[in-house]
Amino acid sequence: MSKITVDDLLGRSFAQGGRLVLGEAELGDDFFNLSSGFAGELMQKFVNYDQRLAIVVNDVSIYSASFQDLAREHRDHPHIRFFSREAEAQAFLASA
């Protein structure tokens, strides 16, 4: 299986009207390893293209302190937010 790319995810978002929910399993290890640059590239493209992204992470505390900070900083972001439940993520996307 090939790795998912930022462009793949952006394409999915455009196909769904500018809104996308992603779970931990879909994102893979590179997303949670901030030094890989994957998370930064993904988030920057979603902001640049005015897409909304809801990321569902059951427990951010199992990841690095820097990842926890990232999730906390996006608590009120207009385009990208982290949630612990998919229902909350869907509500965020529906509110646009």
Protein backbone atom coordinates (compact mmCIF):
# COMPACT_ATOMS: atom_id res chain seq x y z
CA MET A 1 0.00 0.00 0.00
CA SER A 2 1.36 3.41 -0.92
CA LYS A 3 1.55 6.28 1.53
CA ILE A 4 -1.15 8.89 1.43
CA THR A 5 0.00 12.28 0.22
CA VAL A 6 -1.05 15.81 1.09
CA ASP A 7 -2.39 16.21 -2.44
CA ASP A 8 -4.49 13.04 -2.05
CA LEU A 9 -6.09 14.46 1.09
CA LEU A 10 -6.61 17.87 -0.44
CA GLY A 11 -8.29 16.23 -3.43
CA ARG A 12 -10.62 14.33 -1.12
CA SER A 13 -11.51 17.57 0.62
CA PHE A 14 -12.33 19.35 -2.65
CA ALA A 15 -14.46 16.36 -3.70
CA GLN A 16 -16.40 16.66 -0.43
CA GLY A 17 -17.12 20.37 -0.70
CA GLY A 18 -14.10 21.69 1.15
CA ARG A 19 -14.59 19.64 4.32
CA LEU A 20 -12.70 16.55 5.45
CA VAL A 21 -12.60 14.43 8.61
CA LEU A 22 -9.47 12.37 9.18
CA GLY A 23 -8.78 9.82 11.89
CA GLU A 24 -5.49 8.65 13.34
CA ALA A 25 -5.35 5.50 11.21
CA GLU A 26 -5.72 7.48 7.97
CA LEU A 27 -2.93 9.91 8.81
CA GLY A 28 -0.13 7.52 9.63
CA ASP A 29 3.00 7.95 11.70
CA ASP A 30 4.47 10.81 9.64
CA PHE A 31 1.64 13.11 10.66
CA PHE A 32 2.33 12.60 14.36
CA ASN A 33 6.10 12.94 13.92
CA LEU A 34 6.22 16.70 13.42
CA SER A 35 9.84 16.63 12.27
CA SER A 36 8.68 14.81 9.11
CA GLY A 37 6.99 18.01 7.91
CA PHE A 38 3.86 16.14 6.79
CA ALA A 39 1.51 17.75 9.33
CA GLY A 40 2.82 21.24 8.58
CA GLU A 41 2.47 20.79 4.83
CA LEU A 42 -1.03 19.34 5.17
CA MET A 43 -2.24 22.13 7.43
CA GLN A 44 -0.68 24.88 5.34
CA LYS A 45 -2.30 23.61 2.14
CA PHE A 46 -5.71 23.32 3.78
CA VAL A 47 -5.44 26.91 4.98
CA ASN A 48 -4.12 28.17 1.63
CA TYR A 49 -6.98 26.51 -0.27
CA ASP A 50 -9.62 27.55 2.29
CA GLN A 51 -10.52 23.95 3.16
CA ARG A 52 -11.78 22.80 6.57
CA LEU A 53 -10.10 19.84 8.22
CA ALA A 54 -11.29 18.02 11.33
CA ILE A 55 -8.74 15.63 12.82
CA VAL A 56 -9.98 12.96 15.20
CA VAL A 57 -7.38 11.84 17.75
CA ASN A 58 -8.72 9.78 20.63
CA ASP A 59 -5.97 10.74 23.08
CA VAL A 60 -3.43 13.43 22.13
CA SER A 61 -1.53 12.79 25.36
CA ILE A 62 0.04 9.64 23.90
CA TYR A 63 1.94 11.76 21.38
CA SER A 64 4.86 14.13 21.83
CA ALA A 65 4.61 17.36 23.80
CA SER A 66 5.09 19.33 20.58
CA PHE A 67 2.18 17.48 18.95
CA GLN A 68 0.02 18.15 22.01
CA ASP A 69 0.90 21.84 21.70
CA LEU A 70 -0.07 21.80 18.02
CA ALA A 71 -3.45 20.27 18.82
CA ARG A 72 -4.03 22.78 21.63
CA GLU A 73 -3.08 25.72 19.36
CA HIS A 74 -5.73 24.60 16.86
CA ARG A 75 -8.52 24.42 19.41
CA ASP A 76 -10.23 27.49 17.89
CA HIS A 77 -8.65 27.60 14.43
CA PRO A 78 -11.11 28.52 11.66
CA HIS A 79 -9.87 25.84 9.23
CA ILE A 80 -8.24 23.03 11.21
CA ARG A 81 -9.31 21.59 14.53
CA PHE A 82 -8.62 18.49 16.58
CA PHE A 83 -11.37 16.46 18.22
CA SER A 84 -11.56 13.35 20.36
CA ARG A 85 -14.85 12.18 18.79
CA GLU A 86 -16.00 12.03 15.21
CA ALA A 87 -19.43 13.48 16.04
CA GLU A 88 -17.76 16.67 17.28
CA ALA A 89 -15.62 16.79 14.13
CA GLN A 90 -18.70 16.44 11.92
CA ALA A 91 -20.47 19.21 13.86
CA PHE A 92 -17.51 21.53 13.29
CA LEU A 93 -17.57 20.89 9.55
CA ALA A 94 -21.36 21.29 9.37
CA SER A 95 -21.14 24.70 11.08
CA ALA A 96 -19.33 26.28 8.14
